C-alpha atoms as a PDB file:
ATOM      1  CA  MET A   1     135.339 -14.591 170.210  1.00  0.00           C
ATOM      2  CA  GLN A   2     135.568 -13.865 173.895  1.00  0.00           C
ATOM      3  CA  ILE A   3     133.847 -10.759 175.246  1.00  0.00           C
ATOM      4  CA  GLY A   4     137.179  -9.503 176.612  1.00  0.00           C
ATOM      5  CA  ILE A   5     138.786  -9.656 173.176  1.00  0.00           C
ATOM      6  CA  SER A   6     135.782  -7.939 171.592  1.00  0.00           C
ATOM      7  CA  HIS A   7     135.947  -5.111 174.131  1.00  0.00           C
ATOM      8  CA  ALA A   8     139.715  -4.743 173.752  1.00  0.00           C
ATOM      9  CA  LEU A   9     139.437  -4.556 169.968  1.00  0.00           C
ATOM     10  CA  ARG A  10     136.792  -1.842 170.210  1.00  0.00           C
ATOM     11  CA  THR A  11     139.217   0.311 172.217  1.00  0.00           C
ATOM     12  CA  TYR A  12     141.507   0.184 169.169  1.00  0.00           C
ATOM     13  CA  HIS A  13     138.736   1.309 166.780  1.00  0.00           C
ATOM     14  CA  ILE A  14     137.882  -2.144 165.464  1.00  0.00           C
ATOM     15  CA  ASP A  15     134.165  -2.822 165.107  1.00  0.00           C
ATOM     16  CA  VAL A  16     133.172  -6.321 166.172  1.00  0.00           C
ATOM     17  CA  VAL A  17     129.899  -7.199 164.452  1.00  0.00           C
ATOM     18  CA  ASP A  18     129.244 -10.625 165.958  1.00  0.00           C
ATOM     19  CA  ALA A  19     130.698 -13.651 167.736  1.00  0.00           C
ATOM     20  CA  CYS A  20     129.997 -17.354 167.463  1.00  0.00           C
ATOM     21  CA  ALA A  21     130.957 -20.673 168.996  1.00  0.00           C
ATOM     22  CA  SER A  22     130.901 -23.079 166.046  1.00  0.00           C
ATOM     23  CA  GLY A  23     132.134 -23.409 162.496  1.00  0.00           C
ATOM     24  CA  ALA A  24     128.579 -23.601 161.169  1.00  0.00           C
ATOM     25  CA  ASP A  25     127.685 -20.331 162.915  1.00  0.00           C
ATOM     26  CA  ALA A  26     130.850 -18.721 161.552  1.00  0.00           C
ATOM     27  CA  VAL A  27     129.816 -19.550 157.978  1.00  0.00           C
ATOM     28  CA  ARG A  28     126.239 -18.370 158.536  1.00  0.00           C
ATOM     29  CA  LEU A  29     127.325 -15.097 160.155  1.00  0.00           C
ATOM     30  CA  ALA A  30     130.000 -14.434 157.510  1.00  0.00           C
ATOM     31  CA  ILE A  31     127.375 -14.719 154.768  1.00  0.00           C
ATOM     32  CA  LEU A  32     124.956 -12.547 156.759  1.00  0.00           C
ATOM     33  CA  HIS A  33     127.363  -9.735 157.743  1.00  0.00           C
ATOM     34  CA  LYS A  34     130.098  -9.978 155.073  1.00  0.00           C
ATOM     35  CA  PRO A  35     132.715  -8.450 157.417  1.00  0.00           C
ATOM     36  CA  ASP A  36     136.092  -7.228 156.233  1.00  0.00           C
ATOM     37  CA  LEU A  37     137.883  -9.717 158.451  1.00  0.00           C
ATOM     38  CA  ILE A  38     137.020 -12.769 160.533  1.00  0.00           C
ATOM     39  CA  LEU A  39     139.132 -13.698 163.537  1.00  0.00           C
ATOM     40  CA  MET A  40     138.546 -17.421 164.008  1.00  0.00           C
ATOM     41  CA  GLU A  41     139.739 -19.782 166.726  1.00  0.00           C
ATOM     42  CA  THR A  42     141.516 -22.876 165.417  1.00  0.00           C
ATOM     43  CA  GLU A  43     139.793 -24.952 168.093  1.00  0.00           C
ATOM     44  CA  LEU A  44     136.000 -24.769 167.940  1.00  0.00           C
ATOM     45  CA  PRO A  45     133.706 -27.181 169.814  1.00  0.00           C
ATOM     46  CA  ASP A  46     132.339 -28.738 166.623  1.00  0.00           C
ATOM     47  CA  GLY A  47     135.858 -29.204 165.210  1.00  0.00           C
ATOM     48  CA  SER A  48     134.939 -27.732 161.838  1.00  0.00           C
ATOM     49  CA  THR A  49     137.275 -24.738 161.788  1.00  0.00           C
ATOM     50  CA  LEU A  50     139.223 -25.484 158.596  1.00  0.00           C
ATOM     51  CA  ASP A  51     136.073 -26.582 156.773  1.00  0.00           C
ATOM     52  CA  ALA A  52     134.325 -23.384 157.917  1.00  0.00           C
ATOM     53  CA  CYS A  53     137.203 -21.326 156.546  1.00  0.00           C
ATOM     54  CA  ARG A  54     136.929 -23.046 153.155  1.00  0.00           C
ATOM     55  CA  LYS A  55     133.170 -22.431 153.066  1.00  0.00           C
ATOM     56  CA  ILE A  56     133.569 -18.772 154.070  1.00  0.00           C
ATOM     57  CA  ARG A  57     136.205 -18.229 151.374  1.00  0.00           C
ATOM     58  CA  ALA A  58     133.928 -19.834 148.765  1.00  0.00           C
ATOM     59  CA  ALA A  59     130.825 -17.872 149.800  1.00  0.00           C
ATOM     60  CA  CYS A  60     132.536 -14.550 150.592  1.00  0.00           C
ATOM     61  CA  PRO A  61     135.799 -14.324 148.643  1.00  0.00           C
ATOM     62  CA  GLY A  62     136.488 -10.739 149.766  1.00  0.00           C
ATOM     63  CA  VAL A  63     136.410 -11.610 153.475  1.00  0.00           C
ATOM     64  CA  GLN A  64     139.782 -12.137 155.131  1.00  0.00           C
ATOM     65  CA  VAL A  65     140.046 -15.004 157.627  1.00  0.00           C
ATOM     66  CA  ILE A  66     142.691 -14.936 160.348  1.00  0.00           C
ATOM     67  CA  PHE A  67     143.162 -17.888 162.673  1.00  0.00           C
ATOM     68  CA  LEU A  68     143.792 -17.241 166.347  1.00  0.00           C
ATOM     69  CA  THR A  69     145.562 -20.119 168.081  1.00  0.00           C
ATOM     70  CA  SER A  70     147.650 -21.161 171.048  1.00  0.00           C
ATOM     71  CA  VAL A  71     149.563 -23.723 168.954  1.00  0.00           C
ATOM     72  CA  ASP A  72     152.695 -22.552 167.165  1.00  0.00           C
ATOM     73  CA  CYS A  73     153.756 -25.244 164.749  1.00  0.00           C
ATOM     74  CA  GLU A  74     154.560 -25.177 161.057  1.00  0.00           C
ATOM     75  CA  GLU A  75     152.102 -28.006 160.222  1.00  0.00           C
ATOM     76  CA  ALA A  76     149.148 -26.177 161.836  1.00  0.00           C
ATOM     77  CA  ARG A  77     150.149 -22.981 160.029  1.00  0.00           C
ATOM     78  CA  ARG A  78     150.273 -24.848 156.689  1.00  0.00           C
ATOM     79  CA  ARG A  79     146.834 -26.417 157.273  1.00  0.00           C
ATOM     80  CA  CYS A  80     145.322 -23.007 158.063  1.00  0.00           C
ATOM     81  CA  LEU A  81     146.845 -21.418 154.967  1.00  0.00           C
ATOM     82  CA  ALA A  82     145.794 -24.386 152.820  1.00  0.00           C
ATOM     83  CA  ALA A  83     142.214 -23.903 154.037  1.00  0.00           C
ATOM     84  CA  GLY A  84     142.335 -20.382 152.602  1.00  0.00           C
ATOM     85  CA  SER A  85     143.153 -18.285 155.649  1.00  0.00           C
ATOM     86  CA  ASP A  86     144.968 -14.970 155.273  1.00  0.00           C
ATOM     87  CA  GLY A  87     147.012 -15.417 158.407  1.00  0.00           C
ATOM     88  CA  TYR A  88     147.735 -17.122 161.671  1.00  0.00           C
ATOM     89  CA  LEU A  89     148.114 -15.293 165.009  1.00  0.00           C
ATOM     90  CA  LEU A  90     149.128 -16.652 168.374  1.00  0.00           C
ATOM     91  CA  LYS A  91     146.882 -15.926 171.352  1.00  0.00           C
ATOM     92  CA  HIS A  92     149.797 -15.081 173.626  1.00  0.00           C
ATOM     93  CA  PHE A  93     150.088 -11.407 172.801  1.00  0.00           C
ATOM     94  CA  GLY A  94     148.471  -8.204 173.950  1.00  0.00           C
ATOM     95  CA  ALA A  95     145.433  -6.455 172.567  1.00  0.00           C
ATOM     96  CA  ARG A  96     147.635  -3.751 170.997  1.00  0.00           C
ATOM     97  CA  GLU A  97     149.574  -6.323 168.923  1.00  0.00           C
ATOM     98  CA  LEU A  98     146.341  -8.027 167.877  1.00  0.00           C
ATOM     99  CA  ALA A  99     144.801  -4.688 166.882  1.00  0.00           C
ATOM    100  CA  ASP A 100     147.961  -3.701 164.962  1.00  0.00           C
ATOM    101  CA  ALA A 101     147.879  -6.968 163.035  1.00  0.00           C
ATOM    102  CA  ILE A 102     144.171  -6.574 162.244  1.00  0.00           C
ATOM    103  CA  HIS A 103     144.651  -2.965 161.101  1.00  0.00           C
ATOM    104  CA  ALA A 104     147.548  -4.057 158.878  1.00  0.00           C
ATOM    105  CA  LEU A 105     145.430  -6.792 157.320  1.00  0.00           C
ATOM    106  CA  ALA A 106     142.360  -4.619 156.902  1.00  0.00           C
ATOM    107  CA  ARG A 107     144.174  -2.234 154.555  1.00  0.00           C
ATOM    108  CA  PRO A 108     142.950  -2.609 150.992  1.00  0.00           C
ATOM    109  CA  ARG A 109     144.775  -5.365 149.162  1.00  0.00           C
ATOM    110  CA  SER A 110     145.847  -5.380 145.581  1.00  0.00           C
ATOM    111  CA  PRO A 111     144.586  -8.256 143.461  1.00  0.00           C
ATOM    112  CA  ALA A 112     146.319 -11.540 144.188  1.00  0.00           C
ATOM    113  CA  PRO A 113     149.155 -12.547 141.873  1.00  0.00           C
ATOM    114  CA  ALA A 114     148.721 -15.408 139.440  1.00  0.00           C
ATOM    115  CA  PRO A 115     148.613 -18.705 141.359  1.00  0.00           C
ATOM    116  CA  GLU A 116     151.651 -20.178 139.613  1.00  0.00           C
ATOM    117  CA  ARG A 117     153.984 -17.400 140.818  1.00  0.00           C
ATOM    118  CA  LYS A 118     153.708 -15.971 144.304  1.00  0.00           C
ATOM    119  CA  LYS A 119     154.907 -12.378 144.603  1.00  0.00           C
ATOM    120  CA  MET A 120     157.202 -11.513 147.498  1.00  0.00           C
ATOM    121  CA  PRO A 121     155.986  -8.608 149.650  1.00  0.00           C
ATOM    122  CA  SER A 122     157.612  -5.260 149.022  1.00  0.00           C
ATOM    123  CA  ALA A 123     160.266  -3.938 151.353  1.00  0.00           C
ATOM    124  CA  GLY A 124     157.816  -1.045 152.018  1.00  0.00           C
ATOM    125  CA  ALA A 125     155.679  -3.465 154.012  1.00  0.00           C
ATOM    126  CA  TYR A 126     158.505  -3.407 156.557  1.00  0.00           C
ATOM    127  CA  ALA A 127     157.117  -0.057 157.769  1.00  0.00           C
ATOM    128  CA  LEU A 128     154.170  -1.952 159.305  1.00  0.00           C
ATOM    129  CA  LEU A 129     156.453  -3.415 161.969  1.00  0.00           C
ATOM    130  CA  SER A 130     156.656  -1.938 165.453  1.00  0.00           C
ATOM    131  CA  PRO A 131     160.078  -0.775 166.696  1.00  0.00           C
ATOM    132  CA  GLN A 132     160.451  -3.969 168.767  1.00  0.00           C
ATOM    133  CA  GLU A 133     159.434  -6.174 165.821  1.00  0.00           C
ATOM    134  CA  ARG A 134     162.074  -4.466 163.634  1.00  0.00           C
ATOM    135  CA  LYS A 135     164.824  -5.815 165.879  1.00  0.00           C
ATOM    136  CA  ILE A 136     164.014  -9.409 164.939  1.00  0.00           C
ATOM    137  CA  PRO A 137     164.402  -9.649 161.109  1.00  0.00           C
ATOM    138  CA  PRO A 138     168.126  -8.791 161.084  1.00  0.00           C
ATOM    139  CA  LEU A 139     168.729 -11.524 163.657  1.00  0.00           C
ATOM    140  CA  VAL A 140     166.695 -14.000 161.588  1.00  0.00           C
ATOM    141  CA  ALA A 141     168.695 -12.970 158.509  1.00  0.00           C
ATOM    142  CA  ASP A 142     171.888 -13.718 160.501  1.00  0.00           C
ATOM    143  CA  GLY A 143     170.594 -17.267 161.057  1.00  0.00           C
ATOM    144  CA  LYS A 144     169.840 -16.869 164.762  1.00  0.00           C
ATOM    145  CA  SER A 145     167.389 -19.323 166.356  1.00  0.00           C
ATOM    146  CA  ASN A 146     164.407 -18.148 168.409  1.00  0.00           C
ATOM    147  CA  LYS A 147     166.319 -19.058 171.562  1.00  0.00           C
ATOM    148  CA  GLU A 148     169.341 -16.994 170.466  1.00  0.00           C
ATOM    149  CA  ILE A 149     167.124 -14.042 169.509  1.00  0.00           C
ATOM    150  CA  ALA A 150     165.406 -14.243 172.904  1.00  0.00           C
ATOM    151  CA  ALA A 151     168.768 -14.147 174.706  1.00  0.00           C
ATOM    152  CA  ILE A 152     170.038 -11.211 172.613  1.00  0.00           C
ATOM    153  CA  LEU A 153     166.882  -9.133 173.095  1.00  0.00           C
ATOM    154  CA  GLY A 154     166.224 -10.160 176.708  1.00  0.00           C
ATOM    155  CA  LEU A 155     162.887 -11.776 175.824  1.00  0.00           C
ATOM    156  CA  SER A 156     161.359 -15.196 176.404  1.00  0.00           C
ATOM    157  CA  ASP A 157     161.288 -17.782 173.608  1.00  0.00           C
ATOM    158  CA  LYS A 158     157.490 -17.538 173.586  1.00  0.00           C
ATOM    159  CA  THR A 159     157.607 -13.749 173.134  1.00  0.00           C
ATOM    160  CA  VAL A 160     159.961 -14.148 170.175  1.00  0.00           C
ATOM    161  CA  LYS A 161     157.562 -16.710 168.627  1.00  0.00           C
ATOM    162  CA  ASN A 162     154.691 -14.250 169.100  1.00  0.00           C
ATOM    163  CA  TYR A 163     156.647 -11.430 167.500  1.00  0.00           C
ATOM    164  CA  LEU A 164     157.599 -13.689 164.581  1.00  0.00           C
ATOM    165  CA  SER A 165     153.987 -14.703 164.084  1.00  0.00           C
ATOM    166  CA  ASN A 166     152.948 -11.034 163.937  1.00  0.00           C
ATOM    167  CA  ILE A 167     155.851 -10.181 161.639  1.00  0.00           C
ATOM    168  CA  TYR A 168     154.953 -13.044 159.271  1.00  0.00           C
ATOM    169  CA  LEU A 169     151.377 -11.808 159.172  1.00  0.00           C
ATOM    170  CA  LYS A 170     152.228  -8.156 158.607  1.00  0.00           C
ATOM    171  CA  LEU A 171     154.807  -8.920 155.907  1.00  0.00           C
ATOM    172  CA  GLN A 172     152.711 -11.733 154.402  1.00  0.00           C
ATOM    173  CA  VAL A 173     155.534 -14.259 154.591  1.00  0.00           C
ATOM    174  CA  THR A 174     155.355 -17.840 155.795  1.00  0.00           C
ATOM    175  CA  CYS A 175     158.937 -18.749 156.675  1.00  0.00           C
ATOM    176  CA  ARG A 176     162.248 -17.403 157.947  1.00  0.00           C
ATOM    177  CA  SER A 177     163.874 -17.375 154.517  1.00  0.00           C
ATOM    178  CA  GLN A 178     161.112 -15.140 153.109  1.00  0.00           C
ATOM    179  CA  LEU A 179     161.459 -12.850 156.132  1.00  0.00           C
ATOM    180  CA  ALA A 180     165.230 -12.662 155.565  1.00  0.00           C
ATOM    181  CA  ALA A 181     164.629 -11.758 151.900  1.00  0.00           C
ATOM    182  CA  VAL A 182     162.234  -8.939 152.825  1.00  0.00           C
ATOM    183  CA  TYR A 183     164.740  -7.664 155.384  1.00  0.00           C
ATOM    184  CA  ALA A 184     167.561  -7.800 152.835  1.00  0.00           C
ATOM    185  CA  ARG A 185     165.546  -5.695 150.370  1.00  0.00           C
ATOM    186  CA  HIS A 186     164.595  -3.251 153.114  1.00  0.00           C
ATOM    187  CA  SER A 187     168.163  -2.798 154.382  1.00  0.00           C
ATOM    188  CA  ARG A 188     169.668  -1.970 150.943  1.00  0.00           C
END
């Protein structure tokens, strides 16, 4: 993790215990420190990011792993989740949004549901969203595209993608239809 990110996270009361530059180091340091959460780049020099995530999850099942990436595509998101990550954040957002997402994830989790039936997040999780993020789910529920949402809210397409990534993470959903379902329950 870059020094700038580490410093920024500390200003939001997030303790950064270590940083590394390879998947092998990430596994070693996770076992050594057993942090609450690991923020891991999807692109590491040794190319072992997904394998490192699997090894961390096997060695330290209580540690949450969040991928930090500049690539926003459904296939990359699926690969990260399949490797055992708890989330996927885009790099193109501010330190405040990153800190908010980390704080939301660091809250104690209830035991995971049985593997054969995934539980939808409660509508109460909607309270984790910032005021700006709360403007997006109703538009998604109305079937608006990212481009349409950007035009309505006066934002760039990239900003809408970043907000959606944060919203997905905070609400623990992986697609627009799940987000629309959470919004529908919240708006009742």
